[in-house]
C-alpha atoms as a PDB file:
ATOM      1  CA  MET A   1      -4.804  19.717  17.550  1.00  0.00           C
ATOM      2  CA  THR A   2      -5.510  16.505  15.646  1.00  0.00           C
ATOM      3  CA  ASP A   3      -4.078  15.453  12.305  1.00  0.00           C
ATOM      4  CA  PRO A   4      -6.298  16.153   9.295  1.00  0.00           C
ATOM      5  CA  ARG A   5      -8.356  13.188   8.128  1.00  0.00           C
ATOM      6  CA  ARG A   6      -9.402  11.855   4.752  1.00  0.00           C
ATOM      7  CA  ILE A   7     -12.585  13.401   3.375  1.00  0.00           C
ATOM      8  CA  LYS A   8     -15.328  10.872   4.092  1.00  0.00           C
ATOM      9  CA  PRO A   9     -17.683   9.828   1.300  1.00  0.00           C
ATOM     10  CA  PRO A  10     -21.435  10.211   1.528  1.00  0.00           C
ATOM     11  CA  MET A  11     -23.087   6.980   2.655  1.00  0.00           C
ATOM     12  CA  GLY A  12     -26.731   6.268   2.006  1.00  0.00           C
ATOM     13  CA  PRO A  13     -29.184   3.502   1.129  1.00  0.00           C
ATOM     14  CA  ASP A  14     -27.678   2.928  -2.316  1.00  0.00           C
ATOM     15  CA  ASN A  15     -24.050   2.567  -1.218  1.00  0.00           C
ATOM     16  CA  GLY A  16     -23.996   2.021   2.563  1.00  0.00           C
ATOM     17  CA  TRP A  17     -23.710  -1.732   2.080  1.00  0.00           C
ATOM     18  CA  TRP A  18     -20.491  -1.183   0.086  1.00  0.00           C
ATOM     19  CA  TRP A  19     -18.889   0.734   2.938  1.00  0.00           C
ATOM     20  CA  ASP A  20     -20.081  -1.909   5.417  1.00  0.00           C
ATOM     21  CA  MET A  21     -18.306  -4.569   3.334  1.00  0.00           C
ATOM     22  CA  ALA A  22     -15.161  -2.419   3.206  1.00  0.00           C
ATOM     23  CA  ALA A  23     -15.271  -2.048   6.994  1.00  0.00           C
ATOM     24  CA  ALA A  24     -15.357  -5.860   7.156  1.00  0.00           C
ATOM     25  CA  GLY A  25     -12.283  -6.087   4.890  1.00  0.00           C
ATOM     26  CA  LYS A  26     -14.167  -7.069   1.728  1.00  0.00           C
ATOM     27  CA  LEU A  27     -14.526  -5.581  -1.741  1.00  0.00           C
ATOM     28  CA  GLY A  28     -18.175  -5.606  -2.762  1.00  0.00           C
ATOM     29  CA  ILE A  29     -19.721  -5.468  -6.217  1.00  0.00           C
ATOM     30  CA  GLN A  30     -23.384  -4.769  -6.855  1.00  0.00           C
ATOM     31  CA  ARG A  31     -25.102  -7.343  -9.098  1.00  0.00           C
ATOM     32  CA  CYS A  32     -28.418  -6.968 -10.889  1.00  0.00           C
ATOM     33  CA  ALA A  33     -30.866  -9.633  -9.702  1.00  0.00           C
ATOM     34  CA  GLY A  34     -32.566  -9.543 -13.113  1.00  0.00           C
ATOM     35  CA  CYS A  35     -29.740  -9.928 -15.644  1.00  0.00           C
ATOM     36  CA  GLN A  36     -26.756 -10.601 -13.307  1.00  0.00           C
ATOM     37  CA  THR A  37     -24.804  -7.580 -14.649  1.00  0.00           C
ATOM     38  CA  LEU A  38     -22.116  -6.392 -12.245  1.00  0.00           C
ATOM     39  CA  ARG A  39     -21.879  -2.653 -11.687  1.00  0.00           C
ATOM     40  CA  HIS A  40     -19.795  -0.131  -9.843  1.00  0.00           C
ATOM     41  CA  PRO A  41     -20.365   2.413  -8.500  1.00  0.00           C
ATOM     42  CA  PRO A  42     -23.574   1.154  -6.890  1.00  0.00           C
ATOM     43  CA  THR A  43     -26.768   2.523  -8.411  1.00  0.00           C
ATOM     44  CA  PRO A  44     -30.450   1.991  -7.644  1.00  0.00           C
ATOM     45  CA  MET A  45     -31.254   0.704 -11.171  1.00  0.00           C
ATOM     46  CA  CYS A  46     -29.518  -1.571 -13.664  1.00  0.00           C
ATOM     47  CA  GLY A  47     -28.371   0.296 -16.749  1.00  0.00           C
ATOM     48  CA  ASP A  48     -28.876  -2.819 -18.896  1.00  0.00           C
ATOM     49  CA  CYS A  49     -32.308  -4.227 -17.970  1.00  0.00           C
ATOM     50  CA  HIS A  50     -33.586  -1.387 -15.730  1.00  0.00           C
ATOM     51  CA  SER A  51     -34.349  -3.712 -12.819  1.00  0.00           C
ATOM     52  CA  THR A  52     -34.305  -2.141  -9.375  1.00  0.00           C
ATOM     53  CA  GLN A  53     -33.619  -5.511  -7.732  1.00  0.00           C
ATOM     54  CA  TRP A  54     -30.023  -6.281  -6.832  1.00  0.00           C
ATOM     55  CA  ASP A  55     -27.736  -8.223  -4.547  1.00  0.00           C
ATOM     56  CA  THR A  56     -24.010  -8.181  -3.898  1.00  0.00           C
ATOM     57  CA  VAL A  57     -20.990 -10.376  -4.500  1.00  0.00           C
ATOM     58  CA  GLU A  58     -17.586 -10.282  -2.869  1.00  0.00           C
ATOM     59  CA  ALA A  59     -14.824  -9.603  -5.368  1.00  0.00           C
ATOM     60  CA  SER A  60     -11.568 -11.528  -5.254  1.00  0.00           C
ATOM     61  CA  GLY A  61      -9.633  -8.255  -5.230  1.00  0.00           C
ATOM     62  CA  ALA A  62      -7.523  -9.321  -8.221  1.00  0.00           C
ATOM     63  CA  GLY A  63      -7.336  -7.083 -11.255  1.00  0.00           C
ATOM     64  CA  THR A  64      -5.210  -5.148 -13.698  1.00  0.00           C
ATOM     65  CA  VAL A  65      -4.605  -1.439 -14.219  1.00  0.00           C
ATOM     66  CA  CYS A  66      -6.696  -0.255 -17.157  1.00  0.00           C
ATOM     67  CA  SER A  67      -5.765   3.411 -16.802  1.00  0.00           C
ATOM     68  CA  TYR A  68      -4.186   5.730 -14.249  1.00  0.00           C
ATOM     69  CA  THR A  69      -3.274   9.259 -13.341  1.00  0.00           C
ATOM     70  CA  VAL A  70      -0.847  10.693 -10.810  1.00  0.00           C
ATOM     71  CA  LEU A  71      -2.229  13.539  -8.720  1.00  0.00           C
ATOM     72  CA  THR A  72       0.153  16.068  -7.215  1.00  0.00           C
ATOM     73  CA  HIS A  73      -2.108  19.147  -6.865  1.00  0.00           C
ATOM     74  CA  PRO A  74      -4.209  20.427  -5.293  1.00  0.00           C
ATOM     75  CA  GLN A  75      -3.083  18.866  -2.045  1.00  0.00           C
ATOM     76  CA  PHE A  76      -5.808  18.269   0.521  1.00  0.00           C
ATOM     77  CA  PRO A  77      -4.961  17.610   4.166  1.00  0.00           C
ATOM     78  CA  GLY A  78      -5.160  13.949   5.173  1.00  0.00           C
ATOM     79  CA  TYR A  79      -3.712  12.496   1.963  1.00  0.00           C
ATOM     80  CA  GLN A  80      -0.198  11.369   1.064  1.00  0.00           C
ATOM     81  CA  TYR A  81       1.016  12.804  -2.264  1.00  0.00           C
ATOM     82  CA  PRO A  82       1.559  11.948  -4.994  1.00  0.00           C
ATOM     83  CA  LEU A  83      -1.681   9.948  -5.259  1.00  0.00           C
ATOM     84  CA  ILE A  84      -1.799   7.270  -7.929  1.00  0.00           C
ATOM     85  CA  ILE A  85      -5.431   6.899  -8.966  1.00  0.00           C
ATOM     86  CA  ILE A  86      -6.188   3.815 -11.045  1.00  0.00           C
ATOM     87  CA  LEU A  87      -9.039   2.376 -13.049  1.00  0.00           C
ATOM     88  CA  VAL A  88      -8.979  -1.349 -12.249  1.00  0.00           C
ATOM     89  CA  ASP A  89     -10.353  -4.108 -14.464  1.00  0.00           C
ATOM     90  CA  LEU A  90     -11.450  -6.587 -11.807  1.00  0.00           C
ATOM     91  CA  ALA A  91     -11.181 -10.326 -12.452  1.00  0.00           C
ATOM     92  CA  GLU A  92     -14.987 -10.483 -12.089  1.00  0.00           C
ATOM     93  CA  GLY A  93     -15.448  -8.350 -15.199  1.00  0.00           C
ATOM     94  CA  THR A  94     -16.316  -4.894 -13.934  1.00  0.00           C
ATOM     95  CA  ARG A  95     -14.217  -1.813 -13.276  1.00  0.00           C
ATOM     96  CA  LEU A  96     -13.686   0.488 -10.355  1.00  0.00           C
ATOM     97  CA  THR A  97     -11.598   3.515  -9.522  1.00  0.00           C
ATOM     98  CA  SER A  98      -9.254   3.314  -6.560  1.00  0.00           C
ATOM     99  CA  GLN A  99      -5.824   4.259  -5.316  1.00  0.00           C
ATOM    100  CA  LEU A 100      -2.595   2.366  -5.988  1.00  0.00           C
ATOM    101  CA  VAL A 101      -0.289   2.183  -2.964  1.00  0.00           C
ATOM    102  CA  ASP A 102       3.168   0.689  -2.361  1.00  0.00           C
ATOM    103  CA  CYS A 103       4.238   1.699  -5.867  1.00  0.00           C
ATOM    104  CA  GLU A 104       6.249   4.589  -7.244  1.00  0.00           C
ATOM    105  CA  PRO A 105       4.543   6.612  -9.989  1.00  0.00           C
ATOM    106  CA  GLU A 106       7.242   5.703 -12.516  1.00  0.00           C
ATOM    107  CA  ASN A 107       6.526   1.982 -11.979  1.00  0.00           C
ATOM    108  CA  VAL A 108       2.827   2.127 -12.892  1.00  0.00           C
ATOM    109  CA  GLU A 109       1.902   0.773 -16.299  1.00  0.00           C
ATOM    110  CA  PHE A 110      -1.179  -0.334 -18.211  1.00  0.00           C
ATOM    111  CA  GLY A 111      -1.922  -3.994 -17.536  1.00  0.00           C
ATOM    112  CA  LEU A 112      -0.085  -4.012 -14.195  1.00  0.00           C
ATOM    113  CA  PRO A 113      -1.536  -6.867 -12.078  1.00  0.00           C
ATOM    114  CA  VAL A 114      -2.881  -5.541  -8.780  1.00  0.00           C
ATOM    115  CA  GLU A 115      -4.542  -6.877  -5.658  1.00  0.00           C
ATOM    116  CA  MET A 116      -6.860  -5.224  -3.179  1.00  0.00           C
ATOM    117  CA  ILE A 117      -5.829  -4.475   0.381  1.00  0.00           C
ATOM    118  CA  ILE A 118      -7.712  -2.583   3.066  1.00  0.00           C
ATOM    119  CA  GLN A 119      -6.197   0.711   4.150  1.00  0.00           C
ATOM    120  CA  GLU A 120      -7.205   1.847   7.615  1.00  0.00           C
ATOM    121  CA  ASP A 121      -6.943   5.503   8.485  1.00  0.00           C
ATOM    122  CA  PRO A 122      -5.932   6.590  12.017  1.00  0.00           C
ATOM    123  CA  ASP A 123      -9.606   7.246  12.816  1.00  0.00           C
ATOM    124  CA  GLY A 124     -10.570   3.652  11.889  1.00  0.00           C
ATOM    125  CA  PHE A 125     -12.098   4.422   8.473  1.00  0.00           C
ATOM    126  CA  LYS A 126     -11.398   1.529   6.081  1.00  0.00           C
ATOM    127  CA  LEU A 127     -10.983   1.885   2.343  1.00  0.00           C
ATOM    128  CA  PRO A 128     -10.206  -0.741  -0.312  1.00  0.00           C
ATOM    129  CA  VAL A 129      -7.074   0.260  -2.230  1.00  0.00           C
ATOM    130  CA  PHE A 130      -4.751  -1.701  -4.492  1.00  0.00           C
ATOM    131  CA  LYS A 131      -1.079  -2.601  -4.559  1.00  0.00           C
ATOM    132  CA  PRO A 132       0.993  -4.330  -7.225  1.00  0.00           C
ATOM    133  CA  ALA A 133       0.227  -8.070  -7.105  1.00  0.00           C
ATOM    134  CA  GLY A 134       2.805  -9.960  -5.088  1.00  0.00           C
ATOM    135  CA  ALA A 135       4.283  -6.823  -3.483  1.00  0.00           C
ATOM    136  CA  ALA A 136       5.098  -7.200   0.201  1.00  0.00           C
END
């Protein structure tokens, strides 16, 4: 019997590139080719100018915690609880939702500086997550 694994996200033409970047150890952001607006999650059309043309940029991985929640239930196999889920204001000016690791729930606070790291599951799946900036 094998250990349970993380639930894998759907990957398609609109977001497959993002997962490819994550597999390469990078944090990608979709950018509108028309107005240069950054957006996450990836979408086929810009919400500002409605262009369907886009490219990508690699984020620095630096950001701050804008909001957070600590999940304790329900507990799904393949995850370590409690899960600290954060909304990150990236240095590039857009936001994304991720997980905060290497931090106790009582130490999370609004404005906490964080940095992206790549978490690799036992099956090789790679996921960008965040840790407090400067933490070992």
